[in-house]
Amino acid sequence: MRQDIIANTLNEIMNAKRAGKTELVVTKNSKLLRNILDIAKQQGYLDYSEEGNKIKIDLKNLNEIKAIKPRYTVPVKNINLYVRRFLPAKNFGLVIVSTNKGLMNHKDAEEKNIGGCLIAYMF
């Protein structure tokens, strides 16, 4: 098992989806992971609830969610290049960017004219 909690959890979500499950329980968590799950929840891809140290994730309208490795640091003018690389179509899905203003999707980062580090993508 790798030490990257975000990549491990996102892989567990994809494995559960491929196995046809609608929910899973994750035992390792972090504040960054919860922020990523908050963004996915706002977009309607999944729903989650915390039960002590465990996170129960309900899969809804999710096709794919993956961590971006290595984590590229990009200026705001180059975010669109990576969006085209990771997402299958225009205006379909989102890339999560870690900025100095916190985590946000690529659309918000471009609107606020902030670059940052690419963390994950989902659609």
C-alpha atoms as a PDB file:
ATOM      1  CA  MET A   1       0.000   0.000   0.000  1.00  0.00           C
ATOM      2  CA  ARG A   2       1.304   3.409  -0.924  1.00  0.00           C
ATOM      3  CA  GLN A   3       1.618   6.284   1.492  1.00  0.00           C
ATOM      4  CA  ASP A   4      -0.497   8.662  -0.600  1.00  0.00           C
ATOM      5  CA  ILE A   5      -3.895   8.724   1.105  1.00  0.00           C
ATOM      6  CA  ILE A   6      -5.576  10.672  -1.706  1.00  0.00           C
ATOM      7  CA  ALA A   7      -4.408   8.384  -4.523  1.00  0.00           C
ATOM      8  CA  ASN A   8      -5.256   5.284  -2.460  1.00  0.00           C
ATOM      9  CA  THR A   9      -8.783   6.497  -1.676  1.00  0.00           C
ATOM     10  CA  LEU A  10      -9.517   7.580  -5.239  1.00  0.00           C
ATOM     11  CA  ASN A  11      -8.291   4.174  -6.466  1.00  0.00           C
ATOM     12  CA  GLU A  12     -10.559   2.461  -3.920  1.00  0.00           C
ATOM     13  CA  ILE A  13     -13.508   4.505  -5.223  1.00  0.00           C
ATOM     14  CA  MET A  14     -12.758   3.473  -8.825  1.00  0.00           C
ATOM     15  CA  ASN A  15     -12.326  -0.192  -7.809  1.00  0.00           C
ATOM     16  CA  ALA A  16     -15.686  -0.133  -6.009  1.00  0.00           C
ATOM     17  CA  LYS A  17     -17.324   1.430  -9.065  1.00  0.00           C
ATOM     18  CA  ARG A  18     -15.840  -1.205 -11.382  1.00  0.00           C
ATOM     19  CA  ALA A  19     -17.042  -3.936  -9.004  1.00  0.00           C
ATOM     20  CA  GLY A  20     -20.583  -2.552  -9.208  1.00  0.00           C
ATOM     21  CA  LYS A  21     -20.772  -1.358  -5.615  1.00  0.00           C
ATOM     22  CA  THR A  22     -22.700   1.754  -4.690  1.00  0.00           C
ATOM     23  CA  GLU A  23     -20.944   2.519  -1.404  1.00  0.00           C
ATOM     24  CA  LEU A  24     -17.663   1.930   0.386  1.00  0.00           C
ATOM     25  CA  VAL A  25     -16.032   2.736   3.696  1.00  0.00           C
ATOM     26  CA  VAL A  26     -12.568   4.294   3.850  1.00  0.00           C
ATOM     27  CA  THR A  27     -10.575   4.072   7.071  1.00  0.00           C
ATOM     28  CA  LYS A  28      -7.737   6.511   6.299  1.00  0.00           C
ATOM     29  CA  ASN A  29      -8.594  10.152   5.812  1.00  0.00           C
ATOM     30  CA  SER A  30      -7.101  13.611   5.815  1.00  0.00           C
ATOM     31  CA  LYS A  31      -8.302  17.185   5.560  1.00  0.00           C
ATOM     32  CA  LEU A  32      -7.172  17.379   1.918  1.00  0.00           C
ATOM     33  CA  LEU A  33      -9.121  14.209   1.068  1.00  0.00           C
ATOM     34  CA  ARG A  34     -12.253  15.578   2.741  1.00  0.00           C
ATOM     35  CA  ASN A  35     -11.896  18.811   0.740  1.00  0.00           C
ATOM     36  CA  ILE A  36     -11.639  16.797  -2.502  1.00  0.00           C
ATOM     37  CA  LEU A  37     -14.732  14.821  -1.508  1.00  0.00           C
ATOM     38  CA  ASP A  38     -16.524  18.105  -0.715  1.00  0.00           C
ATOM     39  CA  ILE A  39     -15.868  19.350  -4.246  1.00  0.00           C
ATOM     40  CA  ALA A  40     -17.091  16.035  -5.707  1.00  0.00           C
ATOM     41  CA  LYS A  41     -20.186  16.252  -3.488  1.00  0.00           C
ATOM     42  CA  GLN A  42     -20.951  19.803  -4.665  1.00  0.00           C
ATOM     43  CA  GLN A  43     -20.785  18.621  -8.286  1.00  0.00           C
ATOM     44  CA  GLY A  44     -23.106  15.665  -7.544  1.00  0.00           C
ATOM     45  CA  TYR A  45     -20.602  12.905  -8.303  1.00  0.00           C
ATOM     46  CA  LEU A  46     -20.802  11.290  -4.866  1.00  0.00           C
ATOM     47  CA  ASP A  47     -22.032  11.742  -1.326  1.00  0.00           C
ATOM     48  CA  TYR A  48     -20.131  11.040   1.874  1.00  0.00           C
ATOM     49  CA  SER A  49     -20.532  11.083   5.617  1.00  0.00           C
ATOM     50  CA  GLU A  50     -18.019  10.836   8.417  1.00  0.00           C
ATOM     51  CA  GLU A  51     -18.448   8.250  11.154  1.00  0.00           C
ATOM     52  CA  GLY A  52     -15.606   8.734  13.624  1.00  0.00           C
ATOM     53  CA  ASN A  53     -12.358   8.046  11.753  1.00  0.00           C
ATOM     54  CA  LYS A  54     -14.172   6.338   8.886  1.00  0.00           C
ATOM     55  CA  ILE A  55     -15.684   7.932   5.795  1.00  0.00           C
ATOM     56  CA  LYS A  56     -18.690   6.293   4.160  1.00  0.00           C
ATOM     57  CA  ILE A  57     -18.840   7.176   0.448  1.00  0.00           C
ATOM     58  CA  ASP A  58     -21.981   6.705  -1.673  1.00  0.00           C
ATOM     59  CA  LEU A  59     -21.277   6.664  -5.407  1.00  0.00           C
ATOM     60  CA  LYS A  60     -23.808   8.560  -7.492  1.00  0.00           C
ATOM     61  CA  ASN A  61     -23.133   9.979 -10.947  1.00  0.00           C
ATOM     62  CA  LEU A  62     -19.407   9.232 -11.260  1.00  0.00           C
ATOM     63  CA  ASN A  63     -17.646   7.916 -14.342  1.00  0.00           C
ATOM     64  CA  GLU A  64     -14.035   8.312 -13.272  1.00  0.00           C
ATOM     65  CA  ILE A  65     -12.043   9.932 -10.475  1.00  0.00           C
ATOM     66  CA  LYS A  66      -8.256   9.733 -10.350  1.00  0.00           C
ATOM     67  CA  ALA A  67      -5.291  11.438  -8.730  1.00  0.00           C
ATOM     68  CA  ILE A  68      -2.837  13.288 -10.944  1.00  0.00           C
ATOM     69  CA  LYS A  69       0.679  11.979 -10.483  1.00  0.00           C
ATOM     70  CA  PRO A  70       3.109  13.706 -10.590  1.00  0.00           C
ATOM     71  CA  ARG A  71       1.378  16.772  -9.247  1.00  0.00           C
ATOM     72  CA  TYR A  72       2.059  19.404 -11.857  1.00  0.00           C
ATOM     73  CA  THR A  73       2.399  23.015 -10.757  1.00  0.00           C
ATOM     74  CA  VAL A  74       0.916  25.167 -13.507  1.00  0.00           C
ATOM     75  CA  PRO A  75       0.310  28.873 -14.053  1.00  0.00           C
ATOM     76  CA  VAL A  76      -3.243  29.952 -14.764  1.00  0.00           C
ATOM     77  CA  LYS A  77      -2.607  30.364 -18.504  1.00  0.00           C
ATOM     78  CA  ASN A  78      -1.605  26.666 -18.840  1.00  0.00           C
ATOM     79  CA  ILE A  79      -4.439  25.088 -16.829  1.00  0.00           C
ATOM     80  CA  ASN A  80      -6.516  24.617 -19.989  1.00  0.00           C
ATOM     81  CA  LEU A  81      -3.742  22.454 -21.528  1.00  0.00           C
ATOM     82  CA  TYR A  82      -4.001  19.981 -18.653  1.00  0.00           C
ATOM     83  CA  VAL A  83      -7.794  20.115 -18.641  1.00  0.00           C
ATOM     84  CA  ARG A  84      -7.735  18.980 -22.261  1.00  0.00           C
ATOM     85  CA  ARG A  85      -5.253  16.232 -21.374  1.00  0.00           C
ATOM     86  CA  PHE A  86      -7.205  14.722 -18.481  1.00  0.00           C
ATOM     87  CA  LEU A  87     -10.875  15.343 -19.311  1.00  0.00           C
ATOM     88  CA  PRO A  88     -12.627  13.551 -22.197  1.00  0.00           C
ATOM     89  CA  ALA A  89     -14.650  16.496 -23.562  1.00  0.00           C
ATOM     90  CA  LYS A  90     -15.072  20.224 -23.249  1.00  0.00           C
ATOM     91  CA  ASN A  91     -17.260  21.321 -20.297  1.00  0.00           C
ATOM     92  CA  PHE A  92     -17.397  17.724 -19.011  1.00  0.00           C
ATOM     93  CA  GLY A  93     -15.865  17.065 -15.615  1.00  0.00           C
ATOM     94  CA  LEU A  94     -13.380  19.064 -13.601  1.00  0.00           C
ATOM     95  CA  VAL A  95      -9.780  19.202 -12.492  1.00  0.00           C
ATOM     96  CA  ILE A  96      -9.075  20.009  -8.845  1.00  0.00           C
ATOM     97  CA  VAL A  97      -6.381  22.634  -8.323  1.00  0.00           C
ATOM     98  CA  SER A  98      -4.632  23.352  -5.027  1.00  0.00           C
ATOM     99  CA  THR A  99      -4.032  27.098  -4.847  1.00  0.00           C
ATOM    100  CA  ASN A 100      -2.899  29.506  -2.172  1.00  0.00           C
ATOM    101  CA  LYS A 101      -6.615  30.274  -1.669  1.00  0.00           C
ATOM    102  CA  GLY A 102      -7.453  26.585  -1.022  1.00  0.00           C
ATOM    103  CA  LEU A 103      -8.737  23.764  -3.208  1.00  0.00           C
ATOM    104  CA  MET A 104     -10.964  24.701  -6.123  1.00  0.00           C
ATOM    105  CA  ASN A 105     -11.961  23.368  -9.494  1.00  0.00           C
ATOM    106  CA  HIS A 106     -10.209  24.563 -12.632  1.00  0.00           C
ATOM    107  CA  LYS A 107     -13.082  26.843 -13.665  1.00  0.00           C
ATOM    108  CA  ASP A 108     -12.943  28.801 -10.411  1.00  0.00           C
ATOM    109  CA  ALA A 109      -9.140  29.009 -10.592  1.00  0.00           C
ATOM    110  CA  GLU A 110      -9.303  30.461 -14.097  1.00  0.00           C
ATOM    111  CA  GLU A 111     -12.011  32.956 -13.073  1.00  0.00           C
ATOM    112  CA  LYS A 112      -9.945  34.123 -10.092  1.00  0.00           C
ATOM    113  CA  ASN A 113      -6.764  34.130 -12.217  1.00  0.00           C
ATOM    114  CA  ILE A 114      -4.906  31.788  -9.824  1.00  0.00           C
ATOM    115  CA  GLY A 115      -2.538  28.973 -10.802  1.00  0.00           C
ATOM    116  CA  GLY A 116      -1.592  26.074  -8.589  1.00  0.00           C
ATOM    117  CA  CYS A 117      -0.885  22.392  -8.243  1.00  0.00           C
ATOM    118  CA  LEU A 118      -3.096  19.833 -10.016  1.00  0.00           C
ATOM    119  CA  ILE A 119      -4.393  17.250  -7.540  1.00  0.00           C
ATOM    120  CA  ALA A 120      -7.108  15.124  -9.193  1.00  0.00           C
ATOM    121  CA  TYR A 121      -9.677  14.991 -11.953  1.00  0.00           C
ATOM    122  CA  MET A 122     -13.205  13.615 -12.122  1.00  0.00           C
ATOM    123  CA  PHE A 123     -16.053  13.280 -14.585  1.00  0.00           C
END
